[in-house]
Amino acid sequence: MSLTPSATTQLRNLLALPEPKLIRVGVKNRGCSGLAYSLEYVEKPGAFDEEVEQDGVKVLIDSKALFSIIGSEMDWVEDKLNQRFVFRNPNIKEQCGCGESFMV
């Protein structure tokens, strides 16, 4: 997984808080297409988590999500109504109409 410069900046801001010091990216079963991205703060990496480091920012990838998000790009997008992380995933075979869930 790669990070855009805006995602790197936002992650750096989030990780600058006193505690905790790591963010894990994963997927959960939900939505009409089956999977949705999840982000959570963690104290330490899981036993099989992958670590992605780019421009001095470290992000963990949940081992159960590796095959679902391999090759993805994580971006931070701001518009008039929302601020959110967006994932551009080349492995998606199907996506719900609202874009919240996907299937690989």
PDB file of N, CA and C in Angstrom:
ATOM      1  N   MET A   1       0.848  -1.174   0.000  1.00  0.00           N
ATOM      2  CA  MET A   1       0.000   0.000   0.000  1.00  0.00           C
ATOM      3  C   MET A   1       0.893   1.235   0.000  1.00  0.00           C
ATOM      4  N   SER A   2       0.492   2.218  -0.783  1.00  0.00           N
ATOM      5  CA  SER A   2       1.233   3.474  -0.819  1.00  0.00           C
ATOM      6  C   SER A   2       0.369   4.595  -0.249  1.00  0.00           C
ATOM      7  N   LEU A   3       1.019   5.670   0.139  1.00  0.00           N
ATOM      8  CA  LEU A   3       0.349   6.829   0.734  1.00  0.00           C
ATOM      9  C   LEU A   3       0.597   8.052  -0.133  1.00  0.00           C
ATOM     10  N   THR A   4      -0.448   8.832  -0.368  1.00  0.00           N
ATOM     11  CA  THR A   4      -0.271  10.090  -1.086  1.00  0.00           C
ATOM     12  C   THR A   4       0.320  11.118  -0.117  1.00  0.00           C
ATOM     13  N   PRO A   5       0.867  12.208  -0.636  1.00  0.00           N
ATOM     14  CA  PRO A   5       1.393  13.250   0.263  1.00  0.00           C
ATOM     15  C   PRO A   5       0.337  13.794   1.227  1.00  0.00           C
ATOM     16  N   SER A   6      -0.906  13.954   0.780  1.00  0.00           N
ATOM     17  CA  SER A   6      -1.936  14.472   1.695  1.00  0.00           C
ATOM     18  C   SER A   6      -2.285  13.447   2.769  1.00  0.00           C
ATOM     19  N   ALA A   7      -2.275  12.149   2.431  1.00  0.00           N
ATOM     20  CA  ALA A   7      -2.511  11.114   3.443  1.00  0.00           C
ATOM     21  C   ALA A   7      -1.366  11.083   4.444  1.00  0.00           C
ATOM     22  N   THR A   8      -0.152  11.220   3.952  1.00  0.00           N
ATOM     23  CA  THR A   8       1.017  11.236   4.831  1.00  0.00           C
ATOM     24  C   THR A   8       0.940  12.402   5.815  1.00  0.00           C
ATOM     25  N   THR A   9       0.562  13.560   5.328  1.00  0.00           N
ATOM     26  CA  THR A   9       0.437  14.740   6.197  1.00  0.00           C
ATOM     27  C   THR A   9      -0.625  14.517   7.263  1.00  0.00           C
ATOM     28  N   GLN A  10      -1.797  14.005   6.870  1.00  0.00           N
ATOM     29  CA  GLN A  10      -2.878  13.776   7.830  1.00  0.00           C
ATOM     30  C   GLN A  10      -2.498  12.704   8.846  1.00  0.00           C
ATOM     31  N   LEU A  11      -1.874  11.623   8.392  1.00  0.00           N
ATOM     32  CA  LEU A  11      -1.442  10.568   9.316  1.00  0.00           C
ATOM     33  C   LEU A  11      -0.398  11.103  10.291  1.00  0.00           C
ATOM     34  N   ARG A  12       0.506  11.918   9.795  1.00  0.00           N
ATOM     35  CA  ARG A  12       1.520  12.516  10.673  1.00  0.00           C
ATOM     36  C   ARG A  12       0.843  13.353  11.765  1.00  0.00           C
ATOM     37  N   ASN A  13      -0.179  14.113  11.395  1.00  0.00           N
ATOM     38  CA  ASN A  13      -0.925  14.909  12.385  1.00  0.00           C
ATOM     39  C   ASN A  13      -1.618  14.018  13.403  1.00  0.00           C
ATOM     40  N   LEU A  14      -2.236  12.938  12.950  1.00  0.00           N
ATOM     41  CA  LEU A  14      -2.922  12.022  13.862  1.00  0.00           C
ATOM     42  C   LEU A  14      -1.945  11.313  14.786  1.00  0.00           C
ATOM     43  N   LEU A  15      -0.788  10.956  14.268  1.00  0.00           N
ATOM     44  CA  LEU A  15       0.199  10.233  15.069  1.00  0.00           C
ATOM     45  C   LEU A  15       0.990  11.145  15.999  1.00  0.00           C
ATOM     46  N   ALA A  16       0.862  12.453  15.844  1.00  0.00           N
ATOM     47  CA  ALA A  16       1.552  13.399  16.715  1.00  0.00           C
ATOM     48  C   ALA A  16       0.870  13.533  18.073  1.00  0.00           C
ATOM     49  N   LEU A  17      -0.348  13.010  18.188  1.00  0.00           N
ATOM     50  CA  LEU A  17      -1.054  13.055  19.465  1.00  0.00           C
ATOM     51  C   LEU A  17      -0.291  12.228  20.495  1.00  0.00           C
ATOM     52  N   PRO A  18      -0.470  12.523  21.777  1.00  0.00           N
ATOM     53  CA  PRO A  18       0.316  11.830  22.808  1.00  0.00           C
ATOM     54  C   PRO A  18       0.208  10.300  22.767  1.00  0.00           C
ATOM     55  N   GLU A  19      -0.952   9.744  22.684  1.00  0.00           N
ATOM     56  CA  GLU A  19      -1.138   8.287  22.697  1.00  0.00           C
ATOM     57  C   GLU A  19      -2.327   7.927  21.845  1.00  0.00           C
ATOM     58  N   PRO A  20      -2.417   6.801  21.283  1.00  0.00           N
ATOM     59  CA  PRO A  20      -1.376   5.825  20.970  1.00  0.00           C
ATOM     60  C   PRO A  20      -0.558   6.260  19.768  1.00  0.00           C
ATOM     61  N   LYS A  21       0.432   5.483  19.422  1.00  0.00           N
ATOM     62  CA  LYS A  21       1.386   5.896  18.406  1.00  0.00           C
ATOM     63  C   LYS A  21       1.270   5.150  17.079  1.00  0.00           C
ATOM     64  N   LEU A  22       0.325   4.244  16.931  1.00  0.00           N
ATOM     65  CA  LEU A  22       0.210   3.477  15.684  1.00  0.00           C
ATOM     66  C   LEU A  22      -1.221   3.478  15.157  1.00  0.00           C
ATOM     67  N   ILE A  23      -1.349   3.435  13.845  1.00  0.00           N
ATOM     68  CA  ILE A  23      -2.653   3.304  13.197  1.00  0.00           C
ATOM     69  C   ILE A  23      -2.628   2.039  12.354  1.00  0.00           C
ATOM     70  N   ARG A  24      -3.651   1.197  12.519  1.00  0.00           N
ATOM     71  CA  ARG A  24      -3.776  -0.040  11.756  1.00  0.00           C
ATOM     72  C   ARG A  24      -4.901   0.108  10.737  1.00  0.00           C
ATOM     73  N   VAL A  25      -4.590  -0.254   9.489  1.00  0.00           N
ATOM     74  CA  VAL A  25      -5.579  -0.271   8.412  1.00  0.00           C
ATOM     75  C   VAL A  25      -6.009  -1.720   8.223  1.00  0.00           C
ATOM     76  N   GLY A  26      -7.321  -1.919   8.138  1.00  0.00           N
ATOM     77  CA  GLY A  26      -7.840  -3.259   7.927  1.00  0.00           C
ATOM     78  C   GLY A  26      -9.134  -3.217   7.143  1.00  0.00           C
ATOM     79  N   VAL A  27      -9.782  -4.355   7.042  1.00  0.00           N
ATOM     80  CA  VAL A  27     -11.103  -4.432   6.433  1.00  0.00           C
ATOM     81  C   VAL A  27     -12.011  -5.197   7.376  1.00  0.00           C
ATOM     82  N   LYS A  28     -13.285  -4.841   7.340  1.00  0.00           N
ATOM     83  CA  LYS A  28     -14.302  -5.525   8.152  1.00  0.00           C
ATOM     84  C   LYS A  28     -15.426  -5.971   7.237  1.00  0.00           C
ATOM     85  N   ASN A  29     -16.109  -7.031   7.636  1.00  0.00           N
ATOM     86  CA  ASN A  29     -17.282  -7.495   6.898  1.00  0.00           C
ATOM     87  C   ASN A  29     -18.442  -6.571   7.198  1.00  0.00           C
ATOM     88  N   ARG A  30     -18.860  -5.804   6.178  1.00  0.00           N
ATOM     89  CA  ARG A  30     -20.042  -4.962   6.331  1.00  0.00           C
ATOM     90  C   ARG A  30     -20.378  -4.316   5.000  1.00  0.00           C
ATOM     91  N   GLY A  31     -21.551  -3.739   4.944  1.00  0.00           N
ATOM     92  CA  GLY A  31     -21.994  -3.071   3.729  1.00  0.00           C
ATOM     93  C   GLY A  31     -22.602  -4.034   2.737  1.00  0.00           C
ATOM     94  N   CYS A  32     -23.149  -3.481   1.669  1.00  0.00           N
ATOM     95  CA  CYS A  32     -23.861  -4.316   0.702  1.00  0.00           C
ATOM     96  C   CYS A  32     -22.927  -5.111  -0.208  1.00  0.00           C
ATOM     97  N   SER A  33     -21.649  -4.714  -0.314  1.00  0.00           N
ATOM     98  CA  SER A  33     -20.724  -5.466  -1.161  1.00  0.00           C
ATOM     99  C   SER A  33     -19.811  -6.392  -0.368  1.00  0.00           C
ATOM    100  N   GLY A  34     -19.841  -6.313   0.957  1.00  0.00           N
ATOM    101  CA  GLY A  34     -19.143  -7.301   1.763  1.00  0.00           C
ATOM    102  C   GLY A  34     -18.013  -6.809   2.641  1.00  0.00           C
ATOM    103  N   LEU A  35     -17.161  -5.894   2.154  1.00  0.00           N
ATOM    104  CA  LEU A  35     -16.019  -5.434   2.934  1.00  0.00           C
ATOM    105  C   LEU A  35     -15.986  -3.915   2.990  1.00  0.00           C
ATOM    106  N   ALA A  36     -15.470  -3.391   4.082  1.00  0.00           N
ATOM    107  CA  ALA A  36     -15.285  -1.947   4.227  1.00  0.00           C
ATOM    108  C   ALA A  36     -13.961  -1.713   4.936  1.00  0.00           C
ATOM    109  N   TYR A  37     -13.289  -0.626   4.589  1.00  0.00           N
ATOM    110  CA  TYR A  37     -12.013  -0.293   5.215  1.00  0.00           C
ATOM    111  C   TYR A  37     -12.239   0.144   6.657  1.00  0.00           C
ATOM    112  N   SER A  38     -11.259  -0.148   7.502  1.00  0.00           N
ATOM    113  CA  SER A  38     -11.324   0.309   8.887  1.00  0.00           C
ATOM    114  C   SER A  38      -9.954   0.825   9.295  1.00  0.00           C
ATOM    115  N   LEU A  39      -9.961   1.822  10.150  1.00  0.00           N
ATOM    116  CA  LEU A  39      -8.736   2.352  10.734  1.00  0.00           C
ATOM    117  C   LEU A  39      -8.915   2.370  12.235  1.00  0.00           C
ATOM    118  N   GLU A  40      -7.868   1.978  12.950  1.00  0.00           N
ATOM    119  CA  GLU A  40      -7.940   1.987  14.406  1.00  0.00           C
ATOM    120  C   GLU A  40      -6.582   2.322  14.997  1.00  0.00           C
ATOM    121  N   TYR A  41      -6.613   2.984  16.141  1.00  0.00           N
ATOM    122  CA  TYR A  41      -5.395   3.236  16.895  1.00  0.00           C
ATOM    123  C   TYR A  41      -5.036   1.970  17.647  1.00  0.00           C
ATOM    124  N   VAL A  42      -3.745   1.635  17.677  1.00  0.00           N
ATOM    125  CA  VAL A  42      -3.277   0.487  18.443  1.00  0.00           C
ATOM    126  C   VAL A  42      -2.013   0.864  19.201  1.00  0.00           C
ATOM    127  N   GLU A  43      -1.771   0.160  20.280  1.00  0.00           N
ATOM    128  CA  GLU A  43      -0.586   0.388  21.104  1.00  0.00           C
ATOM    129  C   GLU A  43       0.663  -0.256  20.501  1.00  0.00           C
ATOM    130  N   LYS A  44       0.483  -1.460  19.905  1.00  0.00           N
ATOM    131  CA  LYS A  44       1.620  -2.178  19.331  1.00  0.00           C
ATOM    132  C   LYS A  44       1.131  -3.016  18.148  1.00  0.00           C
ATOM    133  N   PRO A  45       2.039  -3.384  17.252  1.00  0.00           N
ATOM    134  CA  PRO A  45       1.640  -4.181  16.086  1.00  0.00           C
ATOM    135  C   PRO A  45       1.159  -5.575  16.497  1.00  0.00           C
ATOM    136  N   GLY A  46       0.240  -6.116  15.699  1.00  0.00           N
ATOM    137  CA  GLY A  46      -0.160  -7.502  15.879  1.00  0.00           C
ATOM    138  C   GLY A  46       0.966  -8.407  15.404  1.00  0.00           C
ATOM    139  N   ALA A  47       0.898  -9.686  15.759  1.00  0.00           N
ATOM    140  CA  ALA A  47       1.977 -10.623  15.458  1.00  0.00           C
ATOM    141  C   ALA A  47       2.308 -10.694  13.967  1.00  0.00           C
ATOM    142  N   PHE A  48       1.308 -10.584  13.107  1.00  0.00           N
ATOM    143  CA  PHE A  48       1.542 -10.750  11.672  1.00  0.00           C
ATOM    144  C   PHE A  48       1.223  -9.497  10.863  1.00  0.00           C
ATOM    145  N   ASP A  49       1.065  -8.361  11.532  1.00  0.00           N
ATOM    146  CA  ASP A  49       0.803  -7.111  10.812  1.00  0.00           C
ATOM    147  C   ASP A  49       1.995  -6.746   9.934  1.00  0.00           C
ATOM    148  N   GLU A  50       1.701  -6.163   8.778  1.00  0.00           N
ATOM    149  CA  GLU A  50       2.739  -5.620   7.903  1.00  0.00           C
ATOM    150  C   GLU A  50       2.903  -4.141   8.221  1.00  0.00           C
ATOM    151  N   GLU A  51       4.102  -3.657   8.119  1.00  0.00           N
ATOM    152  CA  GLU A  51       4.367  -2.246   8.388  1.00  0.00           C
ATOM    153  C   GLU A  51       4.701  -1.541   7.070  1.00  0.00           C
ATOM    154  N   VAL A  52       4.026  -0.437   6.823  1.00  0.00           N
ATOM    155  CA  VAL A  52       4.315   0.399   5.662  1.00  0.00           C
ATOM    156  C   VAL A  52       4.877   1.704   6.190  1.00  0.00           C
ATOM    157  N   GLU A  53       6.046   2.088   5.682  1.00  0.00           N
ATOM    158  CA  GLU A  53       6.628   3.362   6.086  1.00  0.00           C
ATOM    159  C   GLU A  53       6.903   4.184   4.837  1.00  0.00           C
ATOM    160  N   GLN A  54       6.420   5.410   4.865  1.00  0.00           N
ATOM    161  CA  GLN A  54       6.624   6.311   3.741  1.00  0.00           C
ATOM    162  C   GLN A  54       6.795   7.724   4.273  1.00  0.00           C
ATOM    163  N   ASP A  55       7.836   8.380   3.865  1.00  0.00           N
ATOM    164  CA  ASP A  55       8.130   9.754   4.292  1.00  0.00           C
ATOM    165  C   ASP A  55       8.097   9.914   5.807  1.00  0.00           C
ATOM    166  N   GLY A  56       8.600   8.916   6.520  1.00  0.00           N
ATOM    167  CA  GLY A  56       8.682   8.982   7.974  1.00  0.00           C
ATOM    168  C   GLY A  56       7.402   8.649   8.712  1.00  0.00           C
ATOM    169  N   VAL A  57       6.353   8.233   7.995  1.00  0.00           N
ATOM    170  CA  VAL A  57       5.081   7.872   8.621  1.00  0.00           C
ATOM    171  C   VAL A  57       4.906   6.351   8.535  1.00  0.00           C
ATOM    172  N   LYS A  58       4.621   5.731   9.692  1.00  0.00           N
ATOM    173  CA  LYS A  58       4.416   4.282   9.735  1.00  0.00           C
ATOM    174  C   LYS A  58       2.926   3.971   9.900  1.00  0.00           C
ATOM    175  N   VAL A  59       2.451   3.023   9.089  1.00  0.00           N
ATOM    176  CA  VAL A  59       1.077   2.533   9.172  1.00  0.00           C
ATOM    177  C   VAL A  59       1.144   1.017   9.196  1.00  0.00           C
ATOM    178  N   LEU A  60       0.308   0.403  10.012  1.00  0.00           N
ATOM    179  CA  LEU A  60       0.236  -1.054  10.058  1.00  0.00           C
ATOM    180  C   LEU A  60      -0.891  -1.540   9.151  1.00  0.00           C
ATOM    181  N   ILE A  61      -0.680  -2.683   8.504  1.00  0.00           N
ATOM    182  CA  ILE A  61      -1.711  -3.338   7.713  1.00  0.00           C
ATOM    183  C   ILE A  61      -2.083  -4.624   8.435  1.00  0.00           C
ATOM    184  N   ASP A  62      -3.338  -4.749   8.802  1.00  0.00           N
ATOM    185  CA  ASP A  62      -3.832  -5.954   9.456  1.00  0.00           C
ATOM    186  C   ASP A  62      -3.560  -7.151   8.550  1.00  0.00           C
ATOM    187  N   SER A  63      -2.974  -8.197   9.105  1.00  0.00           N
ATOM    188  CA  SER A  63      -2.608  -9.367   8.305  1.00  0.00           C
ATOM    189  C   SER A  63      -3.801  -9.986   7.589  1.00  0.00           C
ATOM    190  N   LYS A  64      -5.000  -9.878   8.173  1.00  0.00           N
ATOM    191  CA  LYS A  64      -6.197 -10.447   7.540  1.00  0.00           C
ATOM    192  C   LYS A  64      -6.659  -9.618   6.343  1.00  0.00           C
ATOM    193  N   ALA A  65      -6.145  -8.404   6.218  1.00  0.00           N
ATOM    194  CA  ALA A  65      -6.571  -7.515   5.137  1.00  0.00           C
ATOM    195  C   ALA A  65      -5.566  -7.439   3.996  1.00  0.00           C
ATOM    196  N   LEU A  66      -4.413  -8.069   4.142  1.00  0.00           N
ATOM    197  CA  LEU A  66      -3.337  -7.910   3.163  1.00  0.00           C
ATOM    198  C   LEU A  66      -3.784  -8.186   1.731  1.00  0.00           C
ATOM    199  N   PHE A  67      -4.437  -9.308   1.498  1.00  0.00           N
ATOM    200  CA  PHE A  67      -4.805  -9.667   0.131  1.00  0.00           C
ATOM    201  C   PHE A  67      -5.935  -8.802  -0.405  1.00  0.00           C
ATOM    202  N   SER A  68      -6.696  -8.171   0.469  1.00  0.00           N
ATOM    203  CA  SER A  68      -7.790  -7.300   0.036  1.00  0.00           C
ATOM    204  C   SER A  68      -7.307  -5.918  -0.373  1.00  0.00           C
ATOM    205  N   ILE A  69      -6.192  -5.468   0.201  1.00  0.00           N
ATOM    206  CA  ILE A  69      -5.761  -4.089  -0.073  1.00  0.00           C
ATOM    207  C   ILE A  69      -4.367  -3.980  -0.682  1.00  0.00           C
ATOM    208  N   ILE A  70      -3.763  -5.094  -1.049  1.00  0.00           N
ATOM    209  CA  ILE A  70      -2.435  -5.051  -1.661  1.00  0.00           C
ATOM    210  C   ILE A  70      -2.481  -4.208  -2.942  1.00  0.00           C
ATOM    211  N   GLY A  71      -1.520  -3.341  -3.093  1.00  0.00           N
ATOM    212  CA  GLY A  71      -1.463  -2.487  -4.269  1.00  0.00           C
ATOM    213  C   GLY A  71      -2.328  -1.238  -4.197  1.00  0.00           C
ATOM    214  N   SER A  72      -2.994  -1.019  -3.074  1.00  0.00           N
ATOM    215  CA  SER A  72      -3.884   0.134  -2.930  1.00  0.00           C
ATOM    216  C   SER A  72      -3.103   1.405  -2.633  1.00  0.00           C
ATOM    217  N   GLU A  73      -3.767   2.529  -2.865  1.00  0.00           N
ATOM    218  CA  GLU A  73      -3.234   3.833  -2.517  1.00  0.00           C
ATOM    219  C   GLU A  73      -4.184   4.478  -1.512  1.00  0.00           C
ATOM    220  N   MET A  74      -3.627   4.970  -0.423  1.00  0.00           N
ATOM    221  CA  MET A  74      -4.406   5.651   0.608  1.00  0.00           C
ATOM    222  C   MET A  74      -4.240   7.149   0.421  1.00  0.00           C
ATOM    223  N   ASP A  75      -5.357   7.866   0.357  1.00  0.00           N
ATOM    224  CA  ASP A  75      -5.330   9.305   0.136  1.00  0.00           C
ATOM    225  C   ASP A  75      -6.203   9.989   1.182  1.00  0.00           C
ATOM    226  N   TRP A  76      -5.958  11.259   1.426  1.00  0.00           N
ATOM    227  CA  TRP A  76      -6.785  12.090   2.304  1.00  0.00           C
ATOM    228  C   TRP A  76      -7.479  13.115   1.425  1.00  0.00           C
ATOM    229  N   VAL A  77      -8.812  13.168   1.503  1.00  0.00           N
ATOM    230  CA  VAL A  77      -9.600  14.047   0.642  1.00  0.00           C
ATOM    231  C   VAL A  77     -10.442  14.967   1.516  1.00  0.00           C
ATOM    232  N   GLU A  78     -10.446  16.243   1.175  1.00  0.00           N
ATOM    233  CA  GLU A  78     -11.286  17.233   1.858  1.00  0.00           C
ATOM    234  C   GLU A  78     -12.124  17.949   0.813  1.00  0.00           C
ATOM    235  N   ASP A  79     -13.435  18.046   1.073  1.00  0.00           N
ATOM    236  CA  ASP A  79     -14.299  18.864   0.232  1.00  0.00           C
ATOM    237  C   ASP A  79     -15.184  19.698   1.146  1.00  0.00           C
ATOM    238  N   LYS A  80     -16.211  20.307   0.613  1.00  0.00           N
ATOM    239  CA  LYS A  80     -17.035  21.220   1.422  1.00  0.00           C
ATOM    240  C   LYS A  80     -17.777  20.515   2.557  1.00  0.00           C
ATOM    241  N   LEU A  81     -18.100  19.231   2.379  1.00  0.00           N
ATOM    242  CA  LEU A  81     -18.892  18.526   3.380  1.00  0.00           C
ATOM    243  C   LEU A  81     -18.137  17.449   4.152  1.00  0.00           C
ATOM    244  N   ASN A  82     -17.037  16.932   3.607  1.00  0.00           N
ATOM    245  CA  ASN A  82     -16.370  15.780   4.214  1.00  0.00           C
ATOM    246  C   ASN A  82     -14.860  15.939   4.267  1.00  0.00           C
ATOM    247  N   GLN A  83     -14.299  15.225   5.208  1.00  0.00           N
ATOM    248  CA  GLN A  83     -12.861  15.004   5.283  1.00  0.00           C
ATOM    249  C   GLN A  83     -12.704  13.523   5.586  1.00  0.00           C
ATOM    250  N   ARG A  84     -11.942  12.810   4.743  1.00  0.00           N
ATOM    251  CA  ARG A  84     -11.872  11.371   4.945  1.00  0.00           C
ATOM    252  C   ARG A  84     -10.680  10.763   4.213  1.00  0.00           C
ATOM    253  N   PHE A  85     -10.297   9.579   4.664  1.00  0.00           N
ATOM    254  CA  PHE A  85      -9.324   8.796   3.923  1.00  0.00           C
ATOM    255  C   PHE A  85     -10.064   8.058   2.821  1.00  0.00           C
ATOM    256  N   VAL A  86      -9.449   7.992   1.649  1.00  0.00           N
ATOM    257  CA  VAL A  86     -10.010   7.309   0.492  1.00  0.00           C
ATOM    258  C   VAL A  86      -8.978   6.294   0.022  1.00  0.00           C
ATOM    259  N   PHE A  87      -9.442   5.120  -0.363  1.00  0.00           N
ATOM    260  CA  PHE A  87      -8.557   4.074  -0.843  1.00  0.00           C
ATOM    261  C   PHE A  87      -8.827   3.825  -2.319  1.00  0.00           C
ATOM    262  N   ARG A  88      -7.769   3.852  -3.109  1.00  0.00           N
ATOM    263  CA  ARG A  88      -7.869   3.498  -4.529  1.00  0.00           C
ATOM    264  C   ARG A  88      -7.292   2.093  -4.641  1.00  0.00           C
ATOM    265  N   ASN A  89      -8.179   1.133  -4.858  1.00  0.00           N
ATOM    266  CA  ASN A  89      -7.812  -0.273  -4.799  1.00  0.00           C
ATOM    267  C   ASN A  89      -7.987  -0.923  -6.168  1.00  0.00           C
ATOM    268  N   PRO A  90      -6.891  -1.350  -6.813  1.00  0.00           N
ATOM    269  CA  PRO A  90      -6.996  -1.966  -8.136  1.00  0.00           C
ATOM    270  C   PRO A  90      -7.606  -3.363  -8.112  1.00  0.00           C
ATOM    271  N   ASN A  91      -7.779  -3.945  -6.930  1.00  0.00           N
ATOM    272  CA  ASN A  91      -8.291  -5.312  -6.811  1.00  0.00           C
ATOM    273  C   ASN A  91      -9.807  -5.389  -6.722  1.00  0.00           C
ATOM    274  N   ILE A  92     -10.493  -4.251  -6.626  1.00  0.00           N
ATOM    275  CA  ILE A  92     -11.946  -4.248  -6.440  1.00  0.00           C
ATOM    276  C   ILE A  92     -12.640  -4.800  -7.677  1.00  0.00           C
ATOM    277  N   LYS A  93     -13.514  -5.766  -7.439  1.00  0.00           N
ATOM    278  CA  LYS A  93     -14.315  -6.364  -8.509  1.00  0.00           C
ATOM    279  C   LYS A  93     -15.731  -5.796  -8.526  1.00  0.00           C
ATOM    280  N   GLU A  94     -16.194  -5.366  -7.361  1.00  0.00           N
ATOM    281  CA  GLU A  94     -17.547  -4.826  -7.227  1.00  0.00           C
ATOM    282  C   GLU A  94     -17.547  -3.830  -6.086  1.00  0.00           C
ATOM    283  N   GLN A  95     -18.350  -2.769  -6.231  1.00  0.00           N
ATOM    284  CA  GLN A  95     -18.442  -1.742  -5.194  1.00  0.00           C
ATOM    285  C   GLN A  95     -19.887  -1.289  -5.094  1.00  0.00           C
ATOM    286  N   CYS A  96     -20.333  -0.997  -3.882  1.00  0.00           N
ATOM    287  CA  CYS A  96     -21.701  -0.538  -3.710  1.00  0.00           C
ATOM    288  C   CYS A  96     -21.847   0.875  -4.279  1.00  0.00           C
ATOM    289  N   GLY A  97     -23.062   1.303  -4.488  1.00  0.00           N
ATOM    290  CA  GLY A  97     -23.326   2.598  -5.083  1.00  0.00           C
ATOM    291  C   GLY A  97     -22.803   3.778  -4.294  1.00  0.00           C
ATOM    292  N   CYS A  98     -22.813   3.678  -2.981  1.00  0.00           N
ATOM    293  CA  CYS A  98     -22.340   4.795  -2.153  1.00  0.00           C
ATOM    294  C   CYS A  98     -20.816   4.777  -1.985  1.00  0.00           C
ATOM    295  N   GLY A  99     -20.173   3.687  -2.371  1.00  0.00           N
ATOM    296  CA  GLY A  99     -18.711   3.600  -2.282  1.00  0.00           C
ATOM    297  C   GLY A  99     -18.182   3.205  -0.930  1.00  0.00           C
ATOM    298  N   GLU A 100     -19.039   2.836   0.007  1.00  0.00           N
ATOM    299  CA  GLU A 100     -18.596   2.479   1.354  1.00  0.00           C
ATOM    300  C   GLU A 100     -18.069   1.059   1.463  1.00  0.00           C
ATOM    301  N   SER A 101     -18.558   0.157   0.625  1.00  0.00           N
ATOM    302  CA  SER A 101     -18.111  -1.234   0.724  1.00  0.00           C
ATOM    303  C   SER A 101     -17.704  -1.751  -0.648  1.00  0.00           C
ATOM    304  N   PHE A 102     -16.945  -2.846  -0.636  1.00  0.00           N
ATOM    305  CA  PHE A 102     -16.390  -3.374  -1.864  1.00  0.00           C
ATOM    306  C   PHE A 102     -16.211  -4.887  -1.765  1.00  0.00           C
ATOM    307  N   MET A 103     -15.901  -5.506  -2.918  1.00  0.00           N
ATOM    308  CA  MET A 103     -15.617  -6.937  -2.968  1.00  0.00           C
ATOM    309  C   MET A 103     -14.403  -7.129  -3.860  1.00  0.00           C
ATOM    310  N   VAL A 104     -13.515  -8.029  -3.455  1.00  0.00           N
ATOM    311  CA  VAL A 104     -12.337  -8.342  -4.280  1.00  0.00           C
ATOM    312  C   VAL A 104     -12.433  -9.747  -4.838  1.00  0.00           C
TER     313      VAL A 104
END
